[in-house]
């Protein structure tokens, strides 16, 4: 799991926090299932990302938006969502 988190570019601090909370939960409940571990990881990520939401303001002139990420991290999906949002904002 640690390797997968590093491979997904979560970083050392976030990876250690996720693994630490999963290990603690396992100490308390030896019957911890994989799905429960994933839910713990998701909760840690939600806490880590809380407050980082931003507001997308439509650019007034041509703008370049660069999306960077590892393979399978959602760059194409994000680009499509950004395009849809910007197109909707332009109609308003």
N, C-alpha and C. Protein backbone atom coordinates (compact mmCIF):
# COMPACT_ATOMS: atom_id res chain seq x y z
N UNK A 1 0.83 -1.17 0.00
CA UNK A 1 0.00 0.00 0.00
C UNK A 1 0.88 1.25 0.00
N UNK A 2 1.94 1.21 0.77
CA UNK A 2 2.85 2.35 0.84
C UNK A 2 3.41 2.67 -0.54
N UNK A 3 3.83 1.65 -1.25
CA UNK A 3 4.38 1.84 -2.60
C UNK A 3 3.33 2.44 -3.53
N UNK A 4 2.10 1.99 -3.42
CA UNK A 4 1.03 2.52 -4.27
C UNK A 4 0.78 4.00 -3.97
N UNK A 5 0.82 4.38 -2.69
CA UNK A 5 0.61 5.79 -2.33
C UNK A 5 1.74 6.66 -2.85
N UNK A 6 2.98 6.18 -2.72
CA UNK A 6 4.10 6.94 -3.27
C UNK A 6 4.02 7.00 -4.79
N UNK A 7 3.62 5.89 -5.40
CA UNK A 7 3.47 5.85 -6.86
C UNK A 7 2.40 6.80 -7.35
N UNK A 8 1.40 7.04 -6.52
CA UNK A 8 0.32 7.97 -6.87
C UNK A 8 0.70 9.41 -6.50
N UNK A 9 1.94 9.59 -6.01
CA UNK A 9 2.49 10.92 -5.73
C UNK A 9 1.80 11.64 -4.59
N UNK A 10 1.46 10.88 -3.52
CA UNK A 10 0.84 11.50 -2.36
C UNK A 10 1.85 12.21 -1.46
N UNK A 11 3.12 11.87 -1.60
CA UNK A 11 4.14 12.51 -0.77
C UNK A 11 4.35 11.77 0.53
N UNK A 12 5.49 12.05 1.16
CA UNK A 12 5.90 11.34 2.36
C UNK A 12 4.96 11.60 3.52
N UNK A 13 4.68 12.86 3.81
CA UNK A 13 3.87 13.21 4.98
C UNK A 13 2.47 12.61 4.89
N UNK A 14 1.82 12.77 3.76
CA UNK A 14 0.46 12.26 3.60
C UNK A 14 0.45 10.73 3.65
N UNK A 15 1.41 10.11 3.00
CA UNK A 15 1.51 8.65 3.00
C UNK A 15 1.71 8.13 4.42
N UNK A 16 2.60 8.75 5.17
CA UNK A 16 2.84 8.32 6.55
C UNK A 16 1.59 8.51 7.41
N UNK A 17 0.88 9.60 7.19
CA UNK A 17 -0.34 9.85 7.96
C UNK A 17 -1.41 8.80 7.65
N UNK A 18 -1.59 8.50 6.38
CA UNK A 18 -2.58 7.48 5.98
C UNK A 18 -2.22 6.13 6.59
N UNK A 19 -0.97 5.71 6.40
CA UNK A 19 -0.54 4.41 6.92
C UNK A 19 -0.61 4.36 8.44
N UNK A 20 -0.27 5.45 9.09
CA UNK A 20 -0.33 5.51 10.55
C UNK A 20 -1.74 5.31 11.07
N UNK A 21 -2.70 5.98 10.43
CA UNK A 21 -4.09 5.83 10.88
C UNK A 21 -4.64 4.44 10.58
N UNK A 22 -4.23 3.86 9.47
CA UNK A 22 -4.67 2.50 9.16
C UNK A 22 -4.07 1.51 10.17
N UNK A 23 -2.79 1.68 10.50
CA UNK A 23 -2.15 0.80 11.48
C UNK A 23 -2.82 0.93 12.84
N UNK A 24 -3.13 2.15 13.23
CA UNK A 24 -3.81 2.37 14.51
C UNK A 24 -5.18 1.70 14.53
N UNK A 25 -5.92 1.84 13.43
CA UNK A 25 -7.24 1.20 13.34
C UNK A 25 -7.10 -0.32 13.40
N UNK A 26 -6.05 -0.86 12.78
CA UNK A 26 -5.84 -2.31 12.80
C UNK A 26 -5.49 -2.79 14.21
N UNK A 27 -4.71 -1.97 14.95
CA UNK A 27 -4.38 -2.34 16.33
C UNK A 27 -5.65 -2.46 17.17
N UNK A 28 -6.61 -1.60 16.90
CA UNK A 28 -7.86 -1.59 17.66
C UNK A 28 -8.82 -2.69 17.19
N UNK A 29 -8.74 -3.03 15.90
CA UNK A 29 -9.66 -4.02 15.34
C UNK A 29 -8.91 -4.90 14.35
N UNK A 30 -8.53 -6.09 14.80
CA UNK A 30 -7.75 -7.01 13.96
C UNK A 30 -8.55 -7.53 12.76
N UNK A 31 -9.85 -7.32 12.77
CA UNK A 31 -10.69 -7.76 11.65
C UNK A 31 -10.88 -6.67 10.59
N UNK A 32 -10.04 -5.66 10.64
CA UNK A 32 -10.12 -4.55 9.69
C UNK A 32 -10.03 -5.09 8.26
N UNK A 33 -10.96 -4.67 7.42
CA UNK A 33 -11.01 -5.12 6.03
C UNK A 33 -10.38 -4.08 5.11
N UNK A 34 -10.03 -4.49 3.91
CA UNK A 34 -9.42 -3.59 2.93
C UNK A 34 -10.28 -2.38 2.63
N UNK A 35 -11.58 -2.59 2.54
CA UNK A 35 -12.50 -1.48 2.24
C UNK A 35 -12.47 -0.45 3.37
N UNK A 36 -12.40 -0.91 4.60
CA UNK A 36 -12.34 0.00 5.75
C UNK A 36 -11.03 0.79 5.72
N UNK A 37 -9.94 0.13 5.34
CA UNK A 37 -8.65 0.81 5.24
C UNK A 37 -8.71 1.89 4.17
N UNK A 38 -9.37 1.60 3.06
CA UNK A 38 -9.52 2.59 1.99
C UNK A 38 -10.35 3.78 2.47
N UNK A 39 -11.37 3.52 3.27
CA UNK A 39 -12.20 4.60 3.81
C UNK A 39 -11.38 5.48 4.77
N UNK A 40 -10.51 4.86 5.55
CA UNK A 40 -9.64 5.62 6.45
C UNK A 40 -8.71 6.50 5.62
N UNK A 41 -8.13 5.93 4.58
CA UNK A 41 -7.25 6.71 3.70
C UNK A 41 -7.98 7.87 3.05
N UNK A 42 -9.20 7.64 2.61
CA UNK A 42 -10.00 8.71 1.99
C UNK A 42 -10.30 9.82 2.99
N UNK A 43 -10.56 9.44 4.24
CA UNK A 43 -10.84 10.44 5.27
C UNK A 43 -9.60 11.30 5.55
N UNK A 44 -8.43 10.66 5.58
CA UNK A 44 -7.19 11.41 5.79
C UNK A 44 -6.97 12.38 4.64
N UNK A 45 -7.19 11.93 3.41
CA UNK A 45 -7.01 12.81 2.25
C UNK A 45 -8.01 13.96 2.27
N UNK A 46 -9.25 13.69 2.65
CA UNK A 46 -10.25 14.75 2.72
C UNK A 46 -9.83 15.80 3.74
N UNK A 47 -9.30 15.36 4.86
CA UNK A 47 -8.80 16.30 5.88
C UNK A 47 -7.63 17.12 5.35
N UNK A 48 -6.71 16.43 4.67
CA UNK A 48 -5.51 17.11 4.16
C UNK A 48 -5.86 18.15 3.09
N UNK A 49 -6.90 17.87 2.31
CA UNK A 49 -7.26 18.77 1.22
C UNK A 49 -8.32 19.80 1.60
N UNK A 50 -8.88 19.67 2.79
CA UNK A 50 -9.93 20.60 3.22
C UNK A 50 -9.42 22.04 3.16
N UNK A 51 -10.23 22.89 2.57
CA UNK A 51 -9.88 24.30 2.47
C UNK A 51 -9.05 24.65 1.24
N UNK A 52 -8.68 23.65 0.46
CA UNK A 52 -7.86 23.94 -0.72
C UNK A 52 -8.70 24.14 -1.97
N UNK A 53 -10.02 24.07 -1.80
CA UNK A 53 -10.88 24.27 -2.95
C UNK A 53 -10.73 25.71 -3.43
N UNK A 54 -10.78 25.87 -4.70
CA UNK A 54 -10.64 27.21 -5.26
C UNK A 54 -11.82 27.54 -6.15
N UNK A 55 -11.87 28.78 -6.55
CA UNK A 55 -12.92 29.23 -7.45
C UNK A 55 -12.28 29.46 -8.81
N UNK A 56 -12.87 28.89 -9.82
CA UNK A 56 -12.36 29.06 -11.18
C UNK A 56 -12.99 30.30 -11.79
N UNK A 57 -12.16 31.29 -12.06
CA UNK A 57 -12.64 32.51 -12.68
C UNK A 57 -12.33 32.43 -14.17
N UNK A 58 -13.34 32.61 -15.02
CA UNK A 58 -13.09 32.51 -16.46
C UNK A 58 -12.08 33.57 -16.91
N UNK A 59 -11.09 33.15 -17.68
CA UNK A 59 -10.11 34.12 -18.16
C UNK A 59 -10.74 35.08 -19.17
N UNK A 60 -10.26 36.31 -19.22
CA UNK A 60 -10.78 37.31 -20.15
C UNK A 60 -10.09 37.23 -21.50
N UNK A 61 -8.98 36.59 -21.57
CA UNK A 61 -8.23 36.47 -22.83
C UNK A 61 -7.70 35.05 -22.93
N UNK A 62 -7.15 34.68 -24.05
CA UNK A 62 -6.62 33.30 -24.15
C UNK A 62 -5.63 33.02 -23.03
N UNK A 63 -5.78 31.85 -22.43
CA UNK A 63 -4.96 31.45 -21.30
C UNK A 63 -4.53 30.01 -21.46
N UNK A 64 -3.34 29.72 -21.00
CA UNK A 64 -2.84 28.35 -21.02
C UNK A 64 -2.98 27.78 -19.61
N UNK A 65 -3.60 26.62 -19.51
CA UNK A 65 -3.71 25.91 -18.24
C UNK A 65 -2.94 24.60 -18.41
N UNK A 66 -1.90 24.43 -17.61
CA UNK A 66 -1.05 23.24 -17.71
C UNK A 66 -1.46 22.24 -16.64
N UNK A 67 -1.75 21.03 -17.06
CA UNK A 67 -2.09 19.95 -16.12
C UNK A 67 -0.94 18.96 -16.08
N UNK A 68 -0.44 18.71 -14.89
CA UNK A 68 0.70 17.82 -14.73
C UNK A 68 0.30 16.70 -13.78
N UNK A 69 0.67 15.48 -14.11
CA UNK A 69 0.38 14.35 -13.23
C UNK A 69 0.88 13.07 -13.84
N UNK A 70 0.95 12.05 -13.01
CA UNK A 70 1.39 10.74 -13.48
C UNK A 70 0.29 10.09 -14.32
N UNK A 71 0.66 9.07 -15.06
CA UNK A 71 -0.31 8.36 -15.88
C UNK A 71 -1.46 7.85 -15.02
N UNK A 72 -2.68 8.07 -15.50
CA UNK A 72 -3.85 7.56 -14.80
C UNK A 72 -4.30 8.43 -13.64
N UNK A 73 -3.76 9.62 -13.51
CA UNK A 73 -4.12 10.46 -12.37
C UNK A 73 -5.32 11.37 -12.64
N UNK A 74 -5.85 11.36 -13.88
CA UNK A 74 -7.07 12.12 -14.15
C UNK A 74 -6.87 13.43 -14.89
N UNK A 75 -5.76 13.59 -15.57
CA UNK A 75 -5.51 14.85 -16.29
C UNK A 75 -6.54 15.08 -17.39
N UNK A 76 -6.84 14.06 -18.17
CA UNK A 76 -7.80 14.22 -19.27
C UNK A 76 -9.19 14.51 -18.73
N UNK A 77 -9.60 13.81 -17.71
CA UNK A 77 -10.90 14.05 -17.09
C UNK A 77 -10.97 15.46 -16.53
N UNK A 78 -9.90 15.90 -15.87
CA UNK A 78 -9.87 17.25 -15.31
C UNK A 78 -9.94 18.29 -16.42
N UNK A 79 -9.23 18.07 -17.52
CA UNK A 79 -9.27 19.00 -18.64
C UNK A 79 -10.69 19.11 -19.20
N UNK A 80 -11.37 17.98 -19.32
CA UNK A 80 -12.75 17.99 -19.82
C UNK A 80 -13.67 18.75 -18.86
N UNK A 81 -13.50 18.52 -17.56
CA UNK A 81 -14.34 19.21 -16.58
C UNK A 81 -14.05 20.71 -16.58
N UNK A 82 -12.78 21.09 -16.70
CA UNK A 82 -12.44 22.51 -16.78
C UNK A 82 -13.07 23.15 -18.02
N UNK A 83 -12.96 22.45 -19.15
CA UNK A 83 -13.55 22.97 -20.38
C UNK A 83 -15.05 23.16 -20.25
N UNK A 84 -15.72 22.19 -19.65
CA UNK A 84 -17.17 22.29 -19.46
C UNK A 84 -17.52 23.46 -18.55
N UNK A 85 -16.81 23.60 -17.45
CA UNK A 85 -17.06 24.70 -16.51
C UNK A 85 -16.84 26.05 -17.18
N UNK A 86 -15.74 26.18 -17.89
CA UNK A 86 -15.46 27.46 -18.55
C UNK A 86 -16.50 27.78 -19.62
N UNK A 87 -16.93 26.75 -20.33
CA UNK A 87 -17.95 26.95 -21.36
C UNK A 87 -19.28 27.39 -20.71
N UNK A 88 -19.64 26.77 -19.57
CA UNK A 88 -20.87 27.15 -18.87
C UNK A 88 -20.76 28.59 -18.36
N UNK A 89 -19.63 28.97 -17.81
CA UNK A 89 -19.44 30.32 -17.31
C UNK A 89 -19.52 31.35 -18.43
N UNK A 90 -19.05 31.00 -19.62
CA UNK A 90 -19.07 31.93 -20.75
C UNK A 90 -20.50 32.21 -21.19
N UNK A 91 -21.42 31.27 -20.95
CA UNK A 91 -22.83 31.43 -21.34
C UNK A 91 -23.59 32.31 -20.36
N UNK A 92 -23.09 32.39 -19.14
CA UNK A 92 -23.82 33.14 -18.09
C UNK A 92 -23.72 34.64 -18.30
